[in-house]
N, C-alpha and C. Protein backbone atom coordinates (compact mmCIF):
# COMPACT_ATOMS: atom_id res chain seq x y z
N MET A 1 0.85 -1.17 0.00
CA MET A 1 0.00 0.00 0.00
C MET A 1 0.90 1.24 0.00
N GLY A 2 0.64 2.15 -0.95
CA GLY A 2 1.43 3.36 -1.07
C GLY A 2 1.03 4.42 -0.06
N ILE A 3 1.80 5.47 -0.03
CA ILE A 3 1.55 6.55 0.93
C ILE A 3 0.20 7.21 0.69
N ASN A 4 -0.20 7.37 -0.55
CA ASN A 4 -1.50 8.00 -0.83
C ASN A 4 -2.65 7.16 -0.30
N GLU A 5 -2.55 5.86 -0.48
CA GLU A 5 -3.60 4.98 0.02
C GLU A 5 -3.67 5.00 1.54
N LYS A 6 -2.50 5.02 2.18
CA LYS A 6 -2.48 5.07 3.65
C LYS A 6 -3.05 6.40 4.14
N TYR A 7 -2.72 7.48 3.46
CA TYR A 7 -3.24 8.79 3.84
C TYR A 7 -4.75 8.83 3.71
N GLU A 8 -5.26 8.33 2.60
CA GLU A 8 -6.71 8.29 2.40
C GLU A 8 -7.40 7.41 3.43
N GLN A 9 -6.75 6.31 3.79
CA GLN A 9 -7.34 5.39 4.76
C GLN A 9 -7.50 6.06 6.13
N ILE A 10 -6.48 6.79 6.59
CA ILE A 10 -6.58 7.40 7.92
C ILE A 10 -7.54 8.58 7.93
N LEU A 11 -7.90 9.10 6.76
CA LEU A 11 -8.85 10.19 6.69
C LEU A 11 -10.30 9.69 6.64
N GLN A 12 -10.50 8.41 6.57
CA GLN A 12 -11.84 7.86 6.59
C GLN A 12 -12.40 8.05 8.00
N PRO A 13 -13.66 8.50 8.10
CA PRO A 13 -14.22 8.78 9.42
C PRO A 13 -14.12 7.64 10.42
N ASP A 14 -14.33 6.42 9.97
CA ASP A 14 -14.28 5.29 10.91
C ASP A 14 -12.86 5.07 11.45
N GLU A 15 -11.85 5.53 10.74
CA GLU A 15 -10.47 5.47 11.24
C GLU A 15 -10.14 6.73 12.04
N LEU A 16 -10.60 7.87 11.56
CA LEU A 16 -10.32 9.14 12.21
C LEU A 16 -10.82 9.16 13.65
N ILE A 17 -12.01 8.65 13.89
CA ILE A 17 -12.59 8.71 15.23
C ILE A 17 -11.78 7.92 16.25
N LYS A 18 -10.98 6.98 15.80
CA LYS A 18 -10.14 6.20 16.71
C LYS A 18 -9.06 7.05 17.38
N SER A 19 -8.79 8.23 16.80
CA SER A 19 -7.74 9.08 17.36
C SER A 19 -8.24 9.97 18.50
N PHE A 20 -9.54 9.91 18.80
CA PHE A 20 -10.11 10.72 19.87
C PHE A 20 -10.47 9.83 21.05
N ASN A 21 -9.96 10.19 22.23
CA ASN A 21 -10.21 9.38 23.42
C ASN A 21 -11.64 9.51 23.92
N THR A 22 -12.22 10.69 23.71
CA THR A 22 -13.58 10.94 24.21
C THR A 22 -14.35 11.74 23.16
N MET A 23 -15.65 11.80 23.35
CA MET A 23 -16.49 12.60 22.47
C MET A 23 -16.20 14.09 22.67
N VAL A 24 -15.80 14.47 23.88
CA VAL A 24 -15.43 15.86 24.14
C VAL A 24 -14.20 16.24 23.31
N CYS A 25 -13.25 15.34 23.22
CA CYS A 25 -12.06 15.59 22.39
C CYS A 25 -12.47 15.76 20.93
N PHE A 26 -13.39 14.94 20.46
CA PHE A 26 -13.89 15.06 19.09
C PHE A 26 -14.58 16.41 18.90
N GLU A 27 -15.40 16.81 19.86
CA GLU A 27 -16.10 18.09 19.78
C GLU A 27 -15.11 19.25 19.73
N ASN A 28 -14.10 19.19 20.55
CA ASN A 28 -13.07 20.24 20.55
C ASN A 28 -12.36 20.31 19.20
N TRP A 29 -12.10 19.16 18.61
CA TRP A 29 -11.49 19.12 17.29
C TRP A 29 -12.43 19.75 16.27
N CYS A 30 -13.70 19.46 16.36
CA CYS A 30 -14.68 20.05 15.44
C CYS A 30 -14.71 21.57 15.55
N LYS A 31 -14.54 22.07 16.74
CA LYS A 31 -14.59 23.52 16.95
C LYS A 31 -13.47 24.25 16.22
N GLU A 32 -12.43 23.53 15.85
CA GLU A 32 -11.32 24.13 15.11
C GLU A 32 -11.66 24.34 13.63
N GLY A 33 -12.66 23.66 13.13
CA GLY A 33 -13.00 23.73 11.72
C GLY A 33 -13.99 24.85 11.41
N SER A 34 -14.05 25.21 10.14
CA SER A 34 -15.03 26.20 9.68
C SER A 34 -16.38 25.52 9.48
N VAL A 35 -17.42 26.31 9.32
CA VAL A 35 -18.74 25.74 9.05
C VAL A 35 -18.70 24.94 7.75
N LEU A 36 -18.00 25.44 6.75
CA LEU A 36 -17.88 24.71 5.48
C LEU A 36 -17.18 23.37 5.70
N ASP A 37 -16.08 23.37 6.43
CA ASP A 37 -15.37 22.12 6.74
C ASP A 37 -16.28 21.14 7.45
N LEU A 38 -17.00 21.64 8.44
CA LEU A 38 -17.87 20.78 9.24
C LEU A 38 -19.04 20.24 8.41
N THR A 39 -19.57 21.05 7.52
CA THR A 39 -20.67 20.59 6.67
C THR A 39 -20.19 19.47 5.76
N GLU A 40 -19.01 19.62 5.20
CA GLU A 40 -18.46 18.57 4.35
C GLU A 40 -18.17 17.30 5.16
N ALA A 41 -17.63 17.49 6.37
CA ALA A 41 -17.37 16.34 7.24
C ALA A 41 -18.67 15.64 7.60
N LEU A 42 -19.70 16.41 7.88
CA LEU A 42 -20.99 15.84 8.24
C LEU A 42 -21.51 14.93 7.12
N ASN A 43 -21.39 15.37 5.90
CA ASN A 43 -21.85 14.57 4.76
C ASN A 43 -21.12 13.22 4.71
N VAL A 44 -19.82 13.25 4.96
CA VAL A 44 -19.03 12.01 4.91
C VAL A 44 -19.36 11.11 6.10
N PHE A 45 -19.49 11.69 7.28
CA PHE A 45 -19.82 10.91 8.47
C PHE A 45 -21.19 10.25 8.33
N GLU A 46 -22.12 10.93 7.66
CA GLU A 46 -23.44 10.33 7.43
C GLU A 46 -23.34 9.11 6.53
N VAL A 47 -22.50 9.17 5.51
CA VAL A 47 -22.30 8.03 4.61
C VAL A 47 -21.79 6.82 5.41
N PHE A 48 -20.94 7.07 6.39
CA PHE A 48 -20.38 6.00 7.22
C PHE A 48 -21.31 5.62 8.37
N GLU A 49 -22.48 6.29 8.44
CA GLU A 49 -23.49 6.02 9.46
C GLU A 49 -22.96 6.19 10.89
N LEU A 50 -22.12 7.20 11.06
CA LEU A 50 -21.57 7.51 12.38
C LEU A 50 -22.43 8.62 13.00
N TYR A 51 -23.66 8.27 13.29
CA TYR A 51 -24.67 9.25 13.66
C TYR A 51 -24.39 9.96 14.98
N GLU A 52 -23.79 9.28 15.92
CA GLU A 52 -23.45 9.92 17.19
C GLU A 52 -22.47 11.08 16.94
N TYR A 53 -21.54 10.85 16.05
CA TYR A 53 -20.58 11.89 15.70
C TYR A 53 -21.24 12.98 14.86
N CYS A 54 -22.19 12.61 14.03
CA CYS A 54 -22.94 13.59 13.24
C CYS A 54 -23.65 14.58 14.15
N GLU A 55 -24.19 14.09 15.25
CA GLU A 55 -24.88 14.97 16.19
C GLU A 55 -23.91 16.00 16.77
N VAL A 56 -22.70 15.57 17.07
CA VAL A 56 -21.70 16.50 17.61
C VAL A 56 -21.34 17.53 16.54
N ILE A 57 -21.14 17.08 15.33
CA ILE A 57 -20.80 18.01 14.24
C ILE A 57 -21.92 19.03 14.05
N LYS A 58 -23.17 18.55 14.04
CA LYS A 58 -24.32 19.47 13.89
C LYS A 58 -24.36 20.47 15.03
N LYS A 59 -24.10 20.02 16.24
CA LYS A 59 -24.11 20.90 17.41
C LYS A 59 -23.07 22.02 17.24
N VAL A 60 -21.88 21.67 16.78
CA VAL A 60 -20.83 22.66 16.60
C VAL A 60 -21.19 23.63 15.46
N ILE A 61 -21.77 23.10 14.40
CA ILE A 61 -22.22 23.98 13.30
C ILE A 61 -23.23 24.98 13.83
N ASP A 62 -24.19 24.51 14.61
CA ASP A 62 -25.21 25.40 15.17
C ASP A 62 -24.59 26.46 16.07
N LEU A 63 -23.59 26.08 16.87
CA LEU A 63 -22.92 27.04 17.74
C LEU A 63 -22.20 28.11 16.93
N LYS A 64 -21.59 27.69 15.84
CA LYS A 64 -20.85 28.64 14.99
C LYS A 64 -21.79 29.55 14.22
N ASN A 65 -23.00 29.09 13.93
CA ASN A 65 -23.96 29.88 13.19
C ASN A 65 -24.79 30.80 14.07
N ALA A 66 -24.68 30.60 15.39
CA ALA A 66 -25.50 31.39 16.33
C ALA A 66 -24.96 32.81 16.48
């Protein structure tokens, strides 16, 4: 497996979430992104059916839009 494949693999949501110890850590990471970044991430997380994480992303989007 080449470097590009490995890079793409770790960017998959089901792999990415393994790097967060808690949901709070994931939420804090989300807060670093823009609304556009989060909206794009939300679309991908929905494809992977990671709905618990989708809720966190939506919450952060709402906070940024308030």
